[in-house]
Amino acid sequence: MPCLSELDRHRALGLLQAGLPISEVSLRMNVNRTTIFRLRQRLHETDTVSDRPRSGRPRCTTQRQGRNLVRNHMNNRFLSASASSRQTRGRNNQRISANTVRGRLSTSALRARRPYISFILTQHHQHQRTLWAQEYAAWDCIQWQSVVFSDKSRFCIDHADGHVRVWRRNGERYQADCVRDYDR
């Protein structure tokens, strides 16, 4: 019964022992009636209300280590998952994989994205860009037809593309620590 904490389970049992019906207890605890019924049934069968052991692979990091991973990536947004996995040891001093790091960051809604590239512009650069825009603002379609536009797309199929990624949440694209400054 993962939807009820240990305290809520004991509270529900206390309400049942006080004589309240299962439907009333389920309304007060905001859970399904079946949950309360199974809780009472488990208490009679096993004399305990704790969770049964579950199958599956055990976690290789503790919750504390997961929080530390998130904190490290929030402090250094450009830290890669593989570099973080090399720095962190899991339970019993075992190595953790980069996929484990990505999973822990994903639970905190952090995703690896390409950073927004911000050009460092001086006052002179800004003035020159304004003059260029004013010069070409009045061009018509015939004048623009003589300009050649190119599409510089990169395709990388079988290996990493070499781009730096930033770990960020939705809506954090233009935050100062998620922006990569670029100067030629």
C-alpha atoms as a PDB file:
ATOM      1  CA  MET A   1       0.000   0.000   0.000  1.00  0.00           C
ATOM      2  CA  PRO A   2       2.366   2.722  -1.153  1.00  0.00           C
ATOM      3  CA  CYS A   3      -0.254   5.484  -1.123  1.00  0.00           C
ATOM      4  CA  LEU A   4      -0.416   5.601   2.692  1.00  0.00           C
ATOM      5  CA  SER A   5       2.538   6.493   4.873  1.00  0.00           C
ATOM      6  CA  GLU A   6       3.310   4.491   8.001  1.00  0.00           C
ATOM      7  CA  LEU A   7       1.712   7.186  10.167  1.00  0.00           C
ATOM      8  CA  ASP A   8      -1.450   7.267   8.012  1.00  0.00           C
ATOM      9  CA  ARG A   9      -1.747   3.483   8.193  1.00  0.00           C
ATOM     10  CA  HIS A  10      -1.709   3.556  11.990  1.00  0.00           C
ATOM     11  CA  ARG A  11      -4.124   6.483  11.999  1.00  0.00           C
ATOM     12  CA  ALA A  12      -6.526   4.529   9.771  1.00  0.00           C
ATOM     13  CA  LEU A  13      -6.278   1.486  12.057  1.00  0.00           C
ATOM     14  CA  GLY A  14      -6.985   3.708  15.049  1.00  0.00           C
ATOM     15  CA  LEU A  15     -10.118   5.015  13.368  1.00  0.00           C
ATOM     16  CA  LEU A  16     -11.209   1.444  12.602  1.00  0.00           C
ATOM     17  CA  GLN A  17     -10.623   0.405  16.216  1.00  0.00           C
ATOM     18  CA  ALA A  18     -12.652   3.422  17.347  1.00  0.00           C
ATOM     19  CA  GLY A  19     -15.617   1.861  15.548  1.00  0.00           C
ATOM     20  CA  LEU A  20     -15.819   3.876  12.342  1.00  0.00           C
ATOM     21  CA  PRO A  21     -16.870   1.940   9.232  1.00  0.00           C
ATOM     22  CA  ILE A  22     -14.405   1.375   6.370  1.00  0.00           C
ATOM     23  CA  SER A  23     -16.242   3.811   4.097  1.00  0.00           C
ATOM     24  CA  GLU A  24     -15.961   6.634   6.662  1.00  0.00           C
ATOM     25  CA  VAL A  25     -12.261   5.947   7.254  1.00  0.00           C
ATOM     26  CA  SER A  26     -11.585   5.916   3.511  1.00  0.00           C
ATOM     27  CA  LEU A  27     -13.333   9.288   3.137  1.00  0.00           C
ATOM     28  CA  ARG A  28     -11.327  10.812   5.976  1.00  0.00           C
ATOM     29  CA  MET A  29      -8.027   9.418   4.666  1.00  0.00           C
ATOM     30  CA  ASN A  30      -8.912  10.298   1.042  1.00  0.00           C
ATOM     31  CA  VAL A  31      -8.153   6.798  -0.275  1.00  0.00           C
ATOM     32  CA  ASN A  32     -10.157   4.002  -1.852  1.00  0.00           C
ATOM     33  CA  ARG A  33     -12.255   1.729   0.390  1.00  0.00           C
ATOM     34  CA  THR A  34     -10.315  -1.270  -0.899  1.00  0.00           C
ATOM     35  CA  THR A  35      -7.088   0.204   0.509  1.00  0.00           C
ATOM     36  CA  ILE A  36      -8.524   0.387   4.024  1.00  0.00           C
ATOM     37  CA  PHE A  37     -10.066  -3.068   3.706  1.00  0.00           C
ATOM     38  CA  ARG A  38      -6.739  -4.589   2.612  1.00  0.00           C
ATOM     39  CA  LEU A  39      -4.927  -2.733   5.381  1.00  0.00           C
ATOM     40  CA  ARG A  40      -7.201  -4.278   7.993  1.00  0.00           C
ATOM     41  CA  GLN A  41      -6.920  -7.680   6.315  1.00  0.00           C
ATOM     42  CA  ARG A  42      -3.108  -7.490   6.282  1.00  0.00           C
ATOM     43  CA  LEU A  43      -3.061  -6.600   9.986  1.00  0.00           C
ATOM     44  CA  HIS A  44      -5.133  -9.701  10.819  1.00  0.00           C
ATOM     45  CA  GLU A  45      -3.003 -11.984   8.612  1.00  0.00           C
ATOM     46  CA  THR A  46       0.534 -10.790   9.354  1.00  0.00           C
ATOM     47  CA  ASP A  47       0.224  -8.644  12.528  1.00  0.00           C
ATOM     48  CA  THR A  48       2.000  -5.819  10.702  1.00  0.00           C
ATOM     49  CA  VAL A  49       1.074  -2.998   8.328  1.00  0.00           C
ATOM     50  CA  SER A  50       4.530  -2.391   6.848  1.00  0.00           C
ATOM     51  CA  ASP A  51       5.173  -2.795   3.138  1.00  0.00           C
ATOM     52  CA  ARG A  52       5.979  -6.229   1.832  1.00  0.00           C
ATOM     53  CA  PRO A  53       9.312  -6.686   0.076  1.00  0.00           C
ATOM     54  CA  ARG A  54       9.071  -5.909  -3.602  1.00  0.00           C
ATOM     55  CA  SER A  55      10.810  -7.576  -6.477  1.00  0.00           C
ATOM     56  CA  GLY A  56      13.123  -5.709  -8.748  1.00  0.00           C
ATOM     57  CA  ARG A  57      16.637  -4.459  -8.780  1.00  0.00           C
ATOM     58  CA  PRO A  58      17.659  -2.486  -5.684  1.00  0.00           C
ATOM     59  CA  ARG A  59      18.678   1.114  -6.135  1.00  0.00           C
ATOM     60  CA  CYS A  60      22.424   1.583  -6.433  1.00  0.00           C
ATOM     61  CA  THR A  61      22.316   5.042  -4.822  1.00  0.00           C
ATOM     62  CA  THR A  62      20.658   6.273  -1.703  1.00  0.00           C
ATOM     63  CA  GLN A  63      18.138   9.109  -1.687  1.00  0.00           C
ATOM     64  CA  ARG A  64      20.779  11.347  -0.141  1.00  0.00           C
ATOM     65  CA  GLN A  65      23.194  10.611  -2.986  1.00  0.00           C
ATOM     66  CA  GLY A  66      20.405  11.361  -5.476  1.00  0.00           C
ATOM     67  CA  ARG A  67      19.811  14.746  -3.837  1.00  0.00           C
ATOM     68  CA  ASN A  68      23.559  15.430  -3.937  1.00  0.00           C
ATOM     69  CA  LEU A  69      23.630  14.641  -7.665  1.00  0.00           C
ATOM     70  CA  VAL A  70      20.799  17.101  -8.285  1.00  0.00           C
ATOM     71  CA  ARG A  71      22.477  19.774  -6.134  1.00  0.00           C
ATOM     72  CA  ASN A  72      25.805  19.322  -7.964  1.00  0.00           C
ATOM     73  CA  HIS A  73      24.106  19.708 -11.347  1.00  0.00           C
ATOM     74  CA  MET A  74      22.163  22.740 -10.154  1.00  0.00           C
ATOM     75  CA  ASN A  75      25.451  24.374  -9.079  1.00  0.00           C
ATOM     76  CA  ASN A  76      27.250  23.410 -12.294  1.00  0.00           C
ATOM     77  CA  ARG A  77      24.631  23.214 -15.043  1.00  0.00           C
ATOM     78  CA  PHE A  78      27.162  22.203 -17.717  1.00  0.00           C
ATOM     79  CA  LEU A  79      28.458  19.128 -15.838  1.00  0.00           C
ATOM     80  CA  SER A  80      27.953  16.017 -17.968  1.00  0.00           C
ATOM     81  CA  ALA A  81      26.225  12.911 -16.641  1.00  0.00           C
ATOM     82  CA  SER A  82      29.249  10.732 -17.416  1.00  0.00           C
ATOM     83  CA  ALA A  83      31.595  13.059 -15.516  1.00  0.00           C
ATOM     84  CA  SER A  84      29.208  13.056 -12.589  1.00  0.00           C
ATOM     85  CA  SER A  85      29.012   9.250 -12.628  1.00  0.00           C
ATOM     86  CA  ARG A  86      32.802   9.022 -12.468  1.00  0.00           C
ATOM     87  CA  GLN A  87      32.861  11.283  -9.390  1.00  0.00           C
ATOM     88  CA  THR A  88      30.054   9.541  -7.489  1.00  0.00           C
ATOM     89  CA  ARG A  89      30.163   6.140  -5.830  1.00  0.00           C
ATOM     90  CA  GLY A  90      26.969   4.274  -5.025  1.00  0.00           C
ATOM     91  CA  ARG A  91      26.146   1.915  -2.183  1.00  0.00           C
ATOM     92  CA  ASN A  92      28.963  -0.401  -1.118  1.00  0.00           C
ATOM     93  CA  ASN A  93      31.418   1.825  -2.999  1.00  0.00           C
ATOM     94  CA  GLN A  94      30.232   0.564  -6.384  1.00  0.00           C
ATOM     95  CA  ARG A  95      30.397   2.618  -9.572  1.00  0.00           C
ATOM     96  CA  ILE A  96      27.201   4.098 -10.944  1.00  0.00           C
ATOM     97  CA  SER A  97      26.419   4.544 -14.615  1.00  0.00           C
ATOM     98  CA  ALA A  98      25.664   7.740 -16.485  1.00  0.00           C
ATOM     99  CA  ASN A  99      22.150   6.395 -17.081  1.00  0.00           C
ATOM    100  CA  THR A 100      21.638   6.243 -13.314  1.00  0.00           C
ATOM    101  CA  VAL A 101      22.671   9.898 -13.049  1.00  0.00           C
ATOM    102  CA  ARG A 102      20.288  10.831 -15.877  1.00  0.00           C
ATOM    103  CA  GLY A 103      17.488   8.956 -14.121  1.00  0.00           C
ATOM    104  CA  ARG A 104      18.064  10.741 -10.802  1.00  0.00           C
ATOM    105  CA  LEU A 105      18.147  14.105 -12.566  1.00  0.00           C
ATOM    106  CA  SER A 106      15.039  13.228 -14.539  1.00  0.00           C
ATOM    107  CA  THR A 107      13.069  12.654 -11.335  1.00  0.00           C
ATOM    108  CA  SER A 108      13.868  16.276 -10.435  1.00  0.00           C
ATOM    109  CA  ALA A 109      12.635  17.455 -13.870  1.00  0.00           C
ATOM    110  CA  LEU A 110      16.161  18.290 -15.063  1.00  0.00           C
ATOM    111  CA  ARG A 111      16.760  17.587 -18.739  1.00  0.00           C
ATOM    112  CA  ALA A 112      19.914  17.876 -20.836  1.00  0.00           C
ATOM    113  CA  ARG A 113      19.308  20.559 -23.444  1.00  0.00           C
ATOM    114  CA  ARG A 114      21.431  22.542 -25.807  1.00  0.00           C
ATOM    115  CA  PRO A 115      22.191  25.844 -24.113  1.00  0.00           C
ATOM    116  CA  TYR A 116      21.053  29.194 -25.409  1.00  0.00           C
ATOM    117  CA  ILE A 117      24.078  30.872 -26.981  1.00  0.00           C
ATOM    118  CA  SER A 118      24.456  34.487 -25.977  1.00  0.00           C
ATOM    119  CA  PHE A 119      26.893  36.639 -27.920  1.00  0.00           C
ATOM    120  CA  ILE A 120      28.937  39.125 -25.961  1.00  0.00           C
ATOM    121  CA  LEU A 121      28.083  42.419 -27.643  1.00  0.00           C
ATOM    122  CA  THR A 122      29.828  45.689 -26.918  1.00  0.00           C
ATOM    123  CA  GLN A 123      28.168  49.059 -27.483  1.00  0.00           C
ATOM    124  CA  HIS A 124      29.996  49.280 -30.823  1.00  0.00           C
ATOM    125  CA  HIS A 125      28.569  45.893 -31.917  1.00  0.00           C
ATOM    126  CA  GLN A 126      25.057  46.930 -30.950  1.00  0.00           C
ATOM    127  CA  HIS A 127      25.391  50.204 -32.854  1.00  0.00           C
ATOM    128  CA  GLN A 128      26.680  48.425 -35.983  1.00  0.00           C
ATOM    129  CA  ARG A 129      23.815  45.902 -35.880  1.00  0.00           C
ATOM    130  CA  THR A 130      21.278  48.704 -35.575  1.00  0.00           C
ATOM    131  CA  LEU A 131      22.776  50.503 -38.584  1.00  0.00           C
ATOM    132  CA  TRP A 132      22.713  47.269 -40.638  1.00  0.00           C
ATOM    133  CA  ALA A 133      19.056  46.625 -39.753  1.00  0.00           C
ATOM    134  CA  GLN A 134      18.075  50.185 -40.642  1.00  0.00           C
ATOM    135  CA  GLU A 135      19.908  49.947 -43.967  1.00  0.00           C
ATOM    136  CA  TYR A 136      18.148  46.763 -45.099  1.00  0.00           C
ATOM    137  CA  ALA A 137      14.759  47.349 -43.482  1.00  0.00           C
ATOM    138  CA  ALA A 138      13.346  49.013 -46.611  1.00  0.00           C
ATOM    139  CA  TRP A 139      14.425  46.313 -49.101  1.00  0.00           C
ATOM    140  CA  ASP A 140      11.691  44.734 -51.198  1.00  0.00           C
ATOM    141  CA  CYS A 141      11.361  41.123 -52.445  1.00  0.00           C
ATOM    142  CA  ILE A 142      13.271  41.753 -55.681  1.00  0.00           C
ATOM    143  CA  GLN A 143      16.355  42.999 -53.821  1.00  0.00           C
ATOM    144  CA  TRP A 144      16.255  40.048 -51.358  1.00  0.00           C
ATOM    145  CA  GLN A 145      16.151  37.555 -54.272  1.00  0.00           C
ATOM    146  CA  SER A 146      19.797  38.316 -55.074  1.00  0.00           C
ATOM    147  CA  VAL A 147      20.886  37.222 -51.564  1.00  0.00           C
ATOM    148  CA  VAL A 148      22.057  33.629 -51.078  1.00  0.00           C
ATOM    149  CA  PHE A 149      20.849  31.890 -47.921  1.00  0.00           C
ATOM    150  CA  SER A 150      22.556  28.708 -46.750  1.00  0.00           C
ATOM    151  CA  ASP A 151      21.481  25.978 -44.354  1.00  0.00           C
ATOM    152  CA  LYS A 152      24.357  24.663 -42.279  1.00  0.00           C
ATOM    153  CA  SER A 153      22.840  21.546 -40.747  1.00  0.00           C
ATOM    154  CA  ARG A 154      24.959  19.030 -38.866  1.00  0.00           C
ATOM    155  CA  PHE A 155      24.220  15.325 -39.007  1.00  0.00           C
ATOM    156  CA  CYS A 156      25.870  12.987 -36.541  1.00  0.00           C
ATOM    157  CA  ILE A 157      24.632   9.391 -36.614  1.00  0.00           C
ATOM    158  CA  ASP A 158      26.972   7.122 -34.688  1.00  0.00           C
ATOM    159  CA  HIS A 159      28.787   9.199 -32.043  1.00  0.00           C
ATOM    160  CA  ALA A 160      28.410  12.213 -29.758  1.00  0.00           C
ATOM    161  CA  ASP A 161      28.077  15.479 -31.627  1.00  0.00           C
ATOM    162  CA  GLY A 162      30.440  17.414 -29.379  1.00  0.00           C
ATOM    163  CA  HIS A 163      27.845  19.944 -28.305  1.00  0.00           C
ATOM    164  CA  VAL A 164      27.815  20.960 -24.674  1.00  0.00           C
ATOM    165  CA  ARG A 165      24.549  20.316 -22.866  1.00  0.00           C
ATOM    166  CA  VAL A 166      23.022  22.214 -19.975  1.00  0.00           C
ATOM    167  CA  TRP A 167      20.829  20.582 -17.315  1.00  0.00           C
ATOM    168  CA  ARG A 168      17.743  22.732 -16.859  1.00  0.00           C
ATOM    169  CA  ARG A 169      14.035  22.613 -16.141  1.00  0.00           C
ATOM    170  CA  ASN A 170      11.291  23.951 -18.384  1.00  0.00           C
ATOM    171  CA  GLY A 171      11.204  27.733 -18.412  1.00  0.00           C
ATOM    172  CA  GLU A 172      14.863  28.166 -17.440  1.00  0.00           C
ATOM    173  CA  ARG A 173      16.279  28.642 -20.930  1.00  0.00           C
ATOM    174  CA  TYR A 174      17.291  32.285 -20.518  1.00  0.00           C
ATOM    175  CA  GLN A 175      18.506  32.128 -16.913  1.00  0.00           C
ATOM    176  CA  ALA A 176      22.049  33.402 -16.506  1.00  0.00           C
ATOM    177  CA  ASP A 177      23.461  30.080 -15.294  1.00  0.00           C
ATOM    178  CA  CYS A 178      21.897  28.199 -18.239  1.00  0.00           C
ATOM    179  CA  VAL A 179      23.176  30.543 -20.970  1.00  0.00           C
ATOM    180  CA  ARG A 180      26.525  29.947 -22.639  1.00  0.00           C
ATOM    181  CA  ASP A 181      28.413  33.098 -23.598  1.00  0.00           C
ATOM    182  CA  TYR A 182      30.144  33.047 -26.961  1.00  0.00           C
ATOM    183  CA  ASP A 183      32.880  35.351 -28.183  1.00  0.00           C
ATOM    184  CA  ARG A 184      34.629  34.798 -31.491  1.00  0.00           C
END
